[in-house]
């Protein structure tokens, strides 16, 4: 059986909605129990930076021509 090529963690894509839900619940709890935005500015900025980095890395893999050559180069 031949498997197709992919970029990223294909076996855990079904977990993405659950991780999103956990993130939303975590941010809500952080804001409910810790006060307002200025109290958690560093945490929110770090989370936003990590989110932006994740989007950049995955977008780069999705639109890069070299990624499409991966299967030919490794197989």
Protein backbone atom coordinates (compact mmCIF):
# COMPACT_ATOMS: atom_id res chain seq x y z
CA UNK A 1 0.00 0.00 0.00
CA UNK A 2 1.43 3.37 -0.98
CA UNK A 3 1.00 6.38 1.27
CA UNK A 4 0.80 9.92 -0.05
CA UNK A 5 3.15 12.66 0.99
CA UNK A 6 2.18 15.24 3.54
CA UNK A 7 3.60 18.13 5.52
CA UNK A 8 3.12 18.14 9.26
CA UNK A 9 1.55 15.78 11.73
CA UNK A 10 -1.19 14.08 9.73
CA UNK A 11 -2.07 11.57 12.45
CA UNK A 12 -2.99 14.29 14.94
CA UNK A 13 -5.06 16.62 12.75
CA UNK A 14 -8.22 15.37 14.45
CA UNK A 15 -6.91 16.80 17.72
CA UNK A 16 -6.71 20.40 16.43
CA UNK A 17 -10.31 21.34 17.40
CA UNK A 18 -9.76 19.96 20.90
CA UNK A 19 -6.52 21.90 21.33
CA UNK A 20 -8.35 25.03 20.19
CA UNK A 21 -11.10 24.40 22.72
CA UNK A 22 -8.53 23.88 25.49
CA UNK A 23 -6.77 27.11 24.51
CA UNK A 24 -10.03 29.09 24.61
CA UNK A 25 -10.95 27.62 28.00
CA UNK A 26 -7.45 28.36 29.32
CA UNK A 27 -7.49 31.99 28.17
CA UNK A 28 -10.96 32.47 29.61
CA UNK A 29 -9.87 31.02 32.97
CA UNK A 30 -6.73 33.18 32.93
CA UNK A 31 -8.79 36.32 32.43
CA UNK A 32 -11.50 35.29 34.92
CA UNK A 33 -9.14 34.53 37.77
CA UNK A 34 -6.31 36.91 37.11
CA UNK A 35 -7.87 40.23 36.34
CA UNK A 36 -7.57 42.14 33.11
CA UNK A 37 -5.44 42.26 29.97
CA UNK A 38 -2.55 44.34 31.41
CA UNK A 39 -1.94 41.72 34.12
CA UNK A 40 -1.28 39.02 31.49
CA UNK A 41 0.19 41.04 28.64
CA UNK A 42 3.40 38.97 28.49
CA UNK A 43 1.51 35.68 28.42
CA UNK A 44 -0.83 36.88 25.68
CA UNK A 45 2.05 38.30 23.60
CA UNK A 46 4.02 35.04 23.93
CA UNK A 47 0.95 33.01 22.94
CA UNK A 48 0.29 35.29 19.97
CA UNK A 49 3.92 35.05 18.85
CA UNK A 50 3.84 31.25 19.04
CA UNK A 51 0.57 31.20 17.10
CA UNK A 52 2.05 33.45 14.40
CA UNK A 53 5.17 31.26 14.20
CA UNK A 54 3.02 28.15 13.85
CA UNK A 55 0.98 29.71 11.05
CA UNK A 56 4.15 30.86 9.27
CA UNK A 57 5.81 27.43 9.46
CA UNK A 58 2.72 25.56 8.25
CA UNK A 59 1.96 28.08 5.50
CA UNK A 60 5.56 27.86 4.29
CA UNK A 61 5.26 24.09 4.05
CA UNK A 62 1.89 24.29 2.34
CA UNK A 63 2.87 26.70 -0.44
CA UNK A 64 6.54 25.83 -0.98
CA UNK A 65 7.45 24.08 -4.21
CA UNK A 66 10.25 22.23 -2.42
CA UNK A 67 7.69 20.59 -0.13
CA UNK A 68 6.02 19.01 -3.16
CA UNK A 69 9.40 17.53 -4.14
CA UNK A 70 9.85 15.92 -0.71
CA UNK A 71 8.29 12.60 -1.71
CA UNK A 72 10.50 12.31 -4.79
CA UNK A 73 13.67 13.20 -2.89
CA UNK A 74 13.10 10.79 0.02
CA UNK A 75 11.43 7.93 -1.77
